[in-house]
Amino acid sequence: MKSKVISFAEYDKVDISAYQKVFALDEKAVKKEMDFLKNKNSTWADSDEVVDGAIIVCDMKSENSFFNREQLKLMVGQGFFNKKLEALCVGMKKGTTNVLDVDGDKVTVTVQSVQRKMVPEVTDEMVKNLEIKGIESVEEYEEYLTRQQKKKIADEEGFDAIQYVMKQVFENSAFDLKKADWIEMTDHEIHRLQVIADKENLNLKTMAPEDFEGKMPFSSYHELLVNVQYDSWDKLLCYLLGCVYAKQDGVEYTKEKYRESIEDYMKFWHETKENAEQINTYEYSKITFFANYYYQKVRGYVEKNYFKEDK
């Protein structure tokens, strides 16, 4: 491509205060993750008394054949066997026998063994075993969970801020744009869509509104083409800026990266290698890589600064 960047505004200098929000930590979500880590590292230990959640082995005798059991293993309180009987077992001691009234049925229960779940407090060692890069302590893990919450919200709600940053950069940068490059960008996308349409024996130019339904959000080829042409301008600018930043970062698009992208496409869309390469040519994938490289730069900036600082 012969288009080039003459000068550009820095994306991380764009003021996004109008889009910033106040962050409210979801403490229940943090507790859920911490409890999961506790349970993951819990153990079972012998106990003398039946408590809710304990695993017991018991013998039962009753005139009701359902309750005639030997060496029955059950988790108290789960209701998998009989919720009322399990509740009545709470408080019994290991090795003792009680006659329980279960909805009118007399059931003689002898507790043979009791195991109680031992739930530990979260330790640095547990956190290290999660193998999260840079996270080695409980405090760091809690901070990580907070960052993940912020990232999730920014990802879900930060699109307008991303679009604003890109618009400001585009308007305050200077480009030497060639019409031929814009046409090439458009042609790449149309070619890609046509290859996909070929699989259903459809021609984009002659598709009727009903042919588009459920496949693309358009009703005619003309509408599709106008949309692609419009998007191609922004993609061209993102591509040019992505090339600049990638060069600064020492990042290149290689045949290996292309191969990996094809493999990812094959796995996600359950496509053959031949189809994947026809849909995503090397040149198209290269353009998309650099355009996305810039988009991810902007996205990361918005994600990092989406929330107002606590005062």
Protein backbone atom coordinates (compact mmCIF):
# COMPACT_ATOMS: atom_id res chain seq x y z
CA MET A 1 0.00 0.00 0.00
CA LYS A 2 1.19 3.50 -0.83
CA SER A 3 -0.87 5.38 1.78
CA LYS A 4 1.12 6.61 4.76
CA VAL A 5 0.92 8.49 8.04
CA ILE A 6 2.36 12.00 7.92
CA SER A 7 1.72 12.86 11.58
CA PHE A 8 -0.56 11.42 14.21
CA ALA A 9 -2.18 12.27 17.53
CA GLU A 10 -1.31 9.99 20.44
CA TYR A 11 -4.28 7.86 21.47
CA ASP A 12 -3.20 7.92 25.12
CA LYS A 13 -3.40 11.71 25.21
CA VAL A 14 -7.11 11.79 24.37
CA ASP A 15 -9.27 12.92 27.30
CA ILE A 16 -11.96 10.31 28.04
CA SER A 17 -13.21 11.85 31.30
CA ALA A 18 -16.69 12.25 29.78
CA TYR A 19 -16.92 8.45 29.55
CA GLN A 20 -15.34 7.53 32.87
CA LYS A 21 -17.37 5.80 35.56
CA VAL A 22 -17.13 5.27 39.30
CA PHE A 23 -16.09 1.70 40.08
CA ALA A 24 -18.07 -0.27 42.67
CA LEU A 25 -16.42 -3.52 43.68
CA ASP A 26 -18.68 -6.58 43.51
CA GLU A 27 -17.65 -8.03 46.86
CA LYS A 28 -19.91 -11.07 46.42
CA ALA A 29 -18.06 -11.99 43.22
CA VAL A 30 -14.70 -11.67 44.99
CA LYS A 31 -15.94 -13.81 47.88
CA LYS A 32 -17.18 -16.43 45.42
CA GLU A 33 -13.71 -16.71 43.87
CA MET A 34 -12.02 -16.85 47.27
CA ASP A 35 -14.48 -19.52 48.48
CA PHE A 36 -13.81 -21.52 45.32
CA LEU A 37 -10.09 -21.43 46.09
CA LYS A 38 -10.76 -22.50 49.67
CA ASN A 39 -12.93 -25.43 48.57
CA LYS A 40 -10.37 -26.44 45.98
CA ASN A 41 -7.84 -26.84 48.78
CA SER A 42 -10.18 -28.35 51.37
CA THR A 43 -9.57 -31.77 52.92
CA TRP A 44 -11.67 -34.36 54.76
CA ALA A 45 -10.82 -35.40 58.30
CA ASP A 46 -12.26 -37.93 60.73
CA SER A 47 -14.68 -36.43 63.23
CA ASP A 48 -16.66 -37.63 66.25
CA GLU A 49 -19.90 -35.73 65.62
CA VAL A 50 -22.25 -35.45 62.66
CA VAL A 51 -22.60 -31.89 61.35
CA ASP A 52 -24.33 -30.46 58.30
CA GLY A 53 -22.17 -31.16 55.24
CA ALA A 54 -20.36 -34.12 56.83
CA ILE A 55 -19.95 -37.44 55.03
CA ILE A 56 -21.13 -40.34 57.14
CA VAL A 57 -21.25 -44.12 56.77
CA CYS A 58 -24.14 -45.72 58.63
CA ASP A 59 -26.29 -48.81 59.02
CA MET A 60 -30.09 -48.49 59.03
CA LYS A 61 -32.92 -50.80 60.04
CA SER A 62 -36.63 -50.18 59.60
CA GLU A 63 -39.92 -51.89 58.77
CA ASN A 64 -39.86 -49.68 55.69
CA SER A 65 -37.58 -51.55 53.29
CA PHE A 66 -36.35 -48.28 51.77
CA PHE A 67 -34.50 -47.52 55.01
CA ASN A 68 -32.98 -50.99 55.38
CA ARG A 69 -29.37 -50.19 54.42
CA GLU A 70 -25.90 -51.32 55.35
CA GLN A 71 -22.76 -49.22 55.02
CA LEU A 72 -24.73 -46.40 53.42
CA LYS A 73 -22.55 -43.42 52.57
CA LEU A 74 -24.24 -40.05 52.41
CA MET A 75 -23.49 -36.35 52.63
CA VAL A 76 -25.61 -34.84 55.35
CA GLY A 77 -27.83 -31.96 54.31
CA GLN A 78 -27.71 -32.53 50.56
CA GLY A 79 -31.01 -34.39 50.47
CA PHE A 80 -29.75 -37.01 48.02
CA PHE A 81 -31.01 -39.84 50.24
CA ASN A 82 -33.67 -38.38 52.56
CA LYS A 83 -33.46 -34.77 53.66
CA LYS A 84 -35.37 -35.22 56.93
CA LEU A 85 -33.37 -38.28 58.00
CA GLU A 86 -30.13 -36.47 57.21
CA ALA A 87 -31.22 -33.50 59.34
CA LEU A 88 -32.09 -35.83 62.24
CA CYS A 89 -28.60 -37.35 62.07
CA VAL A 90 -27.00 -33.99 62.90
CA GLY A 91 -25.58 -34.13 66.43
CA MET A 92 -25.18 -37.90 66.54
CA LYS A 93 -21.81 -39.24 67.66
CA LYS A 94 -19.67 -41.73 65.81
CA GLY A 95 -20.37 -45.27 67.07
CA THR A 96 -23.79 -44.38 68.53
CA THR A 97 -27.25 -45.67 67.62
CA ASN A 98 -30.48 -43.63 67.61
CA VAL A 99 -34.05 -44.42 66.64
CA LEU A 100 -35.27 -41.65 64.37
CA ASP A 101 -38.85 -40.80 63.42
CA VAL A 102 -38.86 -40.08 59.69
CA ASP A 103 -42.39 -39.07 58.74
CA GLY A 104 -43.84 -41.85 60.86
CA ASP A 105 -41.26 -44.49 59.96
CA LYS A 106 -39.05 -45.66 62.81
CA VAL A 107 -35.50 -45.92 61.55
CA THR A 108 -32.66 -47.25 63.69
CA VAL A 109 -29.44 -45.51 62.61
CA THR A 110 -25.95 -46.52 63.69
CA VAL A 111 -23.20 -44.09 62.70
CA GLN A 112 -20.08 -46.02 61.74
CA SER A 113 -17.85 -43.13 60.68
CA VAL A 114 -17.91 -39.36 60.22
CA GLN A 115 -15.77 -37.20 57.98
CA ARG A 116 -15.88 -33.44 58.19
CA LYS A 117 -14.81 -31.02 55.47
CA MET A 118 -11.90 -28.88 56.59
CA VAL A 119 -11.96 -25.57 54.71
CA PRO A 120 -8.70 -23.62 55.12
CA GLU A 121 -8.06 -19.91 54.86
CA VAL A 122 -6.54 -18.82 51.57
CA THR A 123 -2.75 -18.78 51.68
CA ASP A 124 -0.02 -17.39 49.42
CA GLU A 125 0.88 -20.97 48.48
CA MET A 126 -2.65 -21.62 47.19
CA VAL A 127 -2.43 -18.45 45.13
CA LYS A 128 0.96 -19.44 43.68
CA ASN A 129 -0.49 -22.80 42.61
CA LEU A 130 -3.00 -20.96 40.42
CA GLU A 131 0.01 -20.04 38.23
CA ILE A 132 -1.29 -16.59 37.32
CA LYS A 133 1.63 -14.58 35.98
CA GLY A 134 2.83 -12.01 38.53
CA ILE A 135 0.36 -13.13 41.22
CA GLU A 136 2.01 -14.79 44.21
CA SER A 137 0.19 -13.57 47.34
CA VAL A 138 -3.35 -13.32 48.69
CA GLU A 139 -3.18 -9.53 48.49
CA GLU A 140 -2.03 -9.65 44.87
CA TYR A 141 -4.79 -12.13 44.04
CA GLU A 142 -7.46 -9.86 45.52
CA GLU A 143 -6.06 -6.95 43.50
CA TYR A 144 -6.08 -9.18 40.43
CA LEU A 145 -9.77 -10.03 40.96
CA THR A 146 -10.52 -6.31 41.23
CA ARG A 147 -8.68 -5.64 37.97
CA GLN A 148 -10.59 -8.45 36.29
CA GLN A 149 -13.88 -6.90 37.36
CA LYS A 150 -12.81 -3.55 35.96
CA LYS A 151 -11.65 -5.17 32.72
CA LYS A 152 -14.96 -6.99 32.29
CA ILE A 153 -16.98 -3.80 32.77
CA ALA A 154 -14.71 -1.80 30.46
CA ASP A 155 -14.92 -4.52 27.81
CA GLU A 156 -18.71 -4.60 28.00
CA GLU A 157 -19.37 -0.87 28.30
CA GLY A 158 -16.33 0.92 26.90
CA PHE A 159 -17.08 0.69 23.15
CA ASP A 160 -18.27 4.30 22.88
CA ALA A 161 -15.11 5.53 24.60
CA ILE A 162 -12.95 3.50 22.20
CA GLN A 163 -14.79 4.92 19.21
CA TYR A 164 -14.38 8.45 20.61
CA VAL A 165 -10.61 8.03 21.04
CA MET A 166 -10.20 6.70 17.52
CA LYS A 167 -12.34 9.51 16.07
CA GLN A 168 -10.22 12.11 17.86
CA VAL A 169 -7.00 10.53 16.63
CA PHE A 170 -8.24 10.31 13.04
CA GLU A 171 -9.39 13.94 13.05
CA ASN A 172 -6.17 15.24 14.55
CA SER A 173 -3.74 13.22 12.43
CA ALA A 174 -2.47 13.79 8.91
CA PHE A 175 -2.50 10.98 6.32
CA ASP A 176 -1.47 10.68 2.71
CA LEU A 177 -4.30 8.42 1.56
CA LYS A 178 -4.51 6.77 -1.83
CA LYS A 179 -7.89 5.87 -3.29
CA ALA A 180 -6.39 2.67 -4.69
CA ASP A 181 -5.60 1.49 -1.14
CA TRP A 182 -9.17 2.15 -0.02
CA ILE A 183 -10.45 0.18 -3.02
CA GLU A 184 -8.01 -2.64 -2.21
CA MET A 185 -9.20 -2.68 1.40
CA THR A 186 -12.80 -2.90 0.20
CA ASP A 187 -12.00 -5.59 -2.36
CA HIS A 188 -10.31 -7.76 0.28
CA GLU A 189 -13.44 -7.75 2.43
CA ILE A 190 -15.83 -8.31 -0.49
CA HIS A 191 -13.66 -11.20 -1.72
CA ARG A 192 -13.73 -12.74 1.74
CA LEU A 193 -17.52 -12.48 1.98
CA GLN A 194 -17.95 -13.90 -1.52
CA VAL A 195 -15.82 -16.94 -0.68
CA ILE A 196 -18.05 -17.56 2.35
CA ALA A 197 -21.17 -17.10 0.17
CA ASP A 198 -19.76 -19.54 -2.40
CA LYS A 199 -20.13 -22.33 0.16
CA GLU A 200 -23.90 -21.88 -0.15
CA ASN A 201 -23.83 -21.36 -3.91
CA LEU A 202 -24.71 -17.69 -3.53
CA ASN A 203 -23.48 -14.68 -5.47
CA LEU A 204 -23.29 -11.50 -3.40
CA LYS A 205 -24.24 -9.31 -6.36
CA THR A 206 -27.44 -11.22 -7.13
CA MET A 207 -28.56 -12.17 -3.61
CA ALA A 208 -32.16 -11.33 -2.80
CA PRO A 209 -33.20 -9.89 0.58
CA GLU A 210 -34.26 -13.35 1.78
CA ASP A 211 -30.80 -14.69 0.89
CA PHE A 212 -29.19 -12.16 3.24
CA GLU A 213 -31.60 -12.93 6.09
CA GLY A 214 -29.89 -14.71 8.96
CA LYS A 215 -26.49 -14.41 7.28
CA MET A 216 -25.67 -10.70 7.00
CA PRO A 217 -27.48 -7.61 8.35
CA PHE A 218 -28.23 -6.28 4.87
CA SER A 219 -30.99 -6.59 2.29
CA SER A 220 -29.01 -6.01 -0.92
CA TYR A 221 -25.51 -6.10 -2.39
CA HIS A 222 -25.56 -2.32 -2.72
CA GLU A 223 -26.27 -1.91 1.00
CA LEU A 224 -23.50 -4.39 1.82
CA LEU A 225 -21.00 -2.64 -0.47
CA VAL A 226 -21.73 0.82 0.98
CA ASN A 227 -21.23 -0.53 4.50
CA VAL A 228 -17.95 -2.25 3.59
CA GLN A 229 -16.67 0.86 1.82
CA TYR A 230 -17.50 2.99 4.86
CA ASP A 231 -15.76 0.60 7.26
CA SER A 232 -12.77 0.29 4.94
CA TRP A 233 -11.77 3.92 5.51
CA ASP A 234 -11.53 3.40 9.26
CA LYS A 235 -9.79 0.05 8.79
CA LEU A 236 -7.26 1.66 6.46
CA LEU A 237 -6.47 4.34 9.05
CA CYS A 238 -6.22 1.73 11.82
CA TYR A 239 -3.95 -0.35 9.60
CA LEU A 240 -1.61 2.57 8.93
CA LEU A 241 -1.45 3.55 12.60
CA GLY A 242 -1.05 -0.09 13.60
CA CYS A 243 1.97 -0.37 11.31
CA VAL A 244 3.53 2.69 12.98
CA TYR A 245 3.06 1.37 16.51
CA ALA A 246 4.06 -2.17 15.60
CA LYS A 247 7.30 -0.87 14.10
CA GLN A 248 7.97 1.14 17.28
CA ASP A 249 7.36 -2.04 19.31
CA GLY A 250 9.46 -4.23 17.05
CA VAL A 251 6.44 -6.33 16.02
CA GLU A 252 6.19 -7.87 12.55
CA TYR A 253 3.60 -9.98 10.77
CA THR A 254 5.25 -13.25 9.80
CA LYS A 255 4.27 -16.41 7.97
CA GLU A 256 4.22 -18.10 11.37
CA LYS A 257 1.65 -15.62 12.68
CA TYR A 258 -0.42 -16.23 9.55
CA ARG A 259 -0.25 -19.99 10.07
CA GLU A 260 -1.38 -19.59 13.68
CA SER A 261 -4.29 -17.36 12.65
CA ILE A 262 -5.41 -19.95 10.09
CA GLU A 263 -5.25 -22.71 12.70
CA ASP A 264 -7.31 -20.60 15.11
CA TYR A 265 -9.86 -19.93 12.38
CA MET A 266 -10.07 -23.63 11.52
CA LYS A 267 -10.70 -24.58 15.14
CA PHE A 268 -13.26 -21.86 15.82
CA TRP A 269 -15.25 -22.26 12.59
CA HIS A 270 -14.57 -25.97 12.05
CA GLU A 271 -13.18 -25.22 8.60
CA THR A 272 -10.66 -27.04 6.43
CA LYS A 273 -7.23 -25.49 5.92
CA GLU A 274 -8.02 -24.87 2.24
CA ASN A 275 -11.25 -22.99 3.01
CA ALA A 276 -9.66 -21.05 5.86
CA GLU A 277 -6.87 -19.82 3.57
CA GLN A 278 -9.32 -18.90 0.80
CA ILE A 279 -11.44 -16.89 3.23
CA ASN A 280 -8.45 -15.31 4.97
CA THR A 281 -5.71 -14.63 2.45
CA TYR A 282 -2.26 -13.72 3.70
CA GLU A 283 -2.68 -10.09 2.61
CA TYR A 284 -6.11 -9.77 4.23
CA SER A 285 -4.83 -11.32 7.46
CA LYS A 286 -1.82 -9.00 7.49
CA ILE A 287 -4.03 -5.93 7.12
CA THR A 288 -6.37 -7.19 9.84
CA PHE A 289 -3.44 -7.92 12.15
CA PHE A 290 -2.08 -4.38 12.04
CA ALA A 291 -5.53 -2.76 12.15
CA ASN A 292 -6.34 -4.84 15.22
CA TYR A 293 -2.93 -4.06 16.71
CA TYR A 294 -3.88 -0.40 16.84
CA TYR A 295 -7.42 -1.13 18.02
CA GLN A 296 -6.05 -3.16 20.95
CA LYS A 297 -3.74 -0.27 21.87
CA VAL A 298 -6.74 2.04 22.13
CA ARG A 299 -8.81 -0.59 23.90
CA GLY A 300 -6.06 -1.10 26.48
CA TYR A 301 -5.85 2.64 27.12
CA VAL A 302 -9.61 2.90 27.65
CA GLU A 303 -9.64 -0.19 29.85
CA LYS A 304 -6.86 1.21 32.05
CA ASN A 305 -8.48 4.64 32.42
CA TYR A 306 -12.19 3.84 32.28
CA PHE A 307 -12.79 4.42 35.98
CA LYS A 308 -12.45 7.66 37.89
CA GLU A 309 -9.70 7.76 40.50
CA ASP A 310 -10.85 7.44 44.10
CA LYS A 311 -10.52 10.72 45.98
